[in-house]
Structures are given as C-alpha cells and as structure tokens.
Amino acid sequence: MIDVDTNGAVRTVTIDRPEVRNALSVDGLRDLETAIEDADESVIYLRGRGPAFSAGADVTEVAALEGERDRAAEFARLGQRVAQTIEDSPAVVVAGIDGPARGGGLELALACDVRVGTPESTYGEPGVSFGLFGAWGGTVRLPRVLGEGDALEFALSGRSIDAEEALRMGLISRLEDEPRSVAEEIAENAPDALAALKRRLRDDGERATQERREAEAFADLVTAHADDIDALLE
C-alpha cells in the first residue's frame, strides 16, 4: 500500500492503492507513518499512484465504525498522529498532488511543508455532505493555511475546487506539470539548513523564544559552514 523509493536526497513515498483512489486503511496509515519516521533524507516527496493523490479514509473501514464510538475516535487519532508525524519530520515534506485530494488525503497534504499541484489536481472536504468531516487534524490546519473565512466557506460548503482556485486561496503554493521537480529543487540545499529553517518556521513559541532559537540556529549554521562562507569571499 505504501511504496518507498530513494534517489539521492529525496525519499519518494507513494500511496499505492489506485483502485480505490489511494484511500488509506488503518494498516495504510501505519505504514505511511513508518515510511515518514524512517526517512533520513533531507526531503520527502509524498504522492499518490495513478489518477488521484488520495481519497482519504477507506470508506469500508469508516462504515465498520458505525455504533463503535471509541473505535471511531481511535481511528481519528491515528490519522491525526500520522499527520503530526509528517509535520514534525526533520525532513522537508513536499506533497505532489495530481488529481483529487479529498478528505483525509487533503488533511495529510495540509500537514506537509510544501504543497504542489498539477493543473489537473482538485481539492475538497466532502464529508459534510454525508454527515461527517475530516478528523485527521484538518480543522486545526485548514484555517491556519487559508485563514478562518476561506476555511469555513470551503469546509462548510463541501464543494470541490480546481487547481487555479487552490493556488489563489493559498491551499497550494505552486502549480507544476511535474511536482517532483520542486522536491528536487529543495533537496539541492544544505540538509542541516533545511532542517533548521523548517523547525524555525514551524516554531509556535513566544516571540522572544522564537527569536532566541533563531539566533542560536543561525550561529550553529555559521559554525558548521565556515568554509562555505569563506568561499563566498574568494
């Protein structure tokens, strides 16, 4: 269900269930978590096999949760944990979105550091139309990415949007025919600088604490890259 391939500094993690639009079961979520946790590359490229990024949760497993409140909450917590693993990874995680990203699939993309869509990509949180909503951290991350107003309209309407509207709203940062090129572009940079910059940009501490950590990280990099800095003066 989860395929892993490494090429240089980029680990490609592929959700490999095209027959169900790359929907994720419990086992699939656990395998995805392991694929992210085991990475020692500086960049992870997350994609779906075939004509979809991911439809989110496997509907057959969701249907089996009917009347099982504790198991339903456990399933949601598992998805939240995987999304948090993506966000917390020291690697820069790039989502390459080709085709539909729906529900939990979109929520996993929201946890990535960079989201790149193809012109054929589409986005939606359709759960509200049949009495549910995505619960893999989407209610936390969606307003953080879009702002409260756009997040509310997008989620409450249950509508799907195309790539151009997703770009305008800030749901994705770039449109590319081949999103992997962005992962490779990022991977050309110094791994320790990438990891430090991701930590600083993800830091939600008090401003004074953030600035202290920023200065310390800068000093660490200056020390580590003294020879590279000297070369700039030659």
Foldseek 3Di string as FASTA:
>chain_A
DWDWDDDALEIEIELEDVVQQSAAELVRLVVLLVNLVPDPGQEYEQAYPDQWRYQYHDVVVVVVCVVPVVVNVVVLVSLLVSLVSQLPRLHQYEYETGDEQEASSLSSNLSGPAYEYEQRYKYWFQPVVVPDTRRNCCVPRQCVQQNDPVSCVRRNVRDMDGPVVCCVSRSHVYYDNDRVVVRVVVSVDDSLVSSLVSCLVPDPDDPVVSVVSVVVSVVVVCVVCVVVVVVVVD
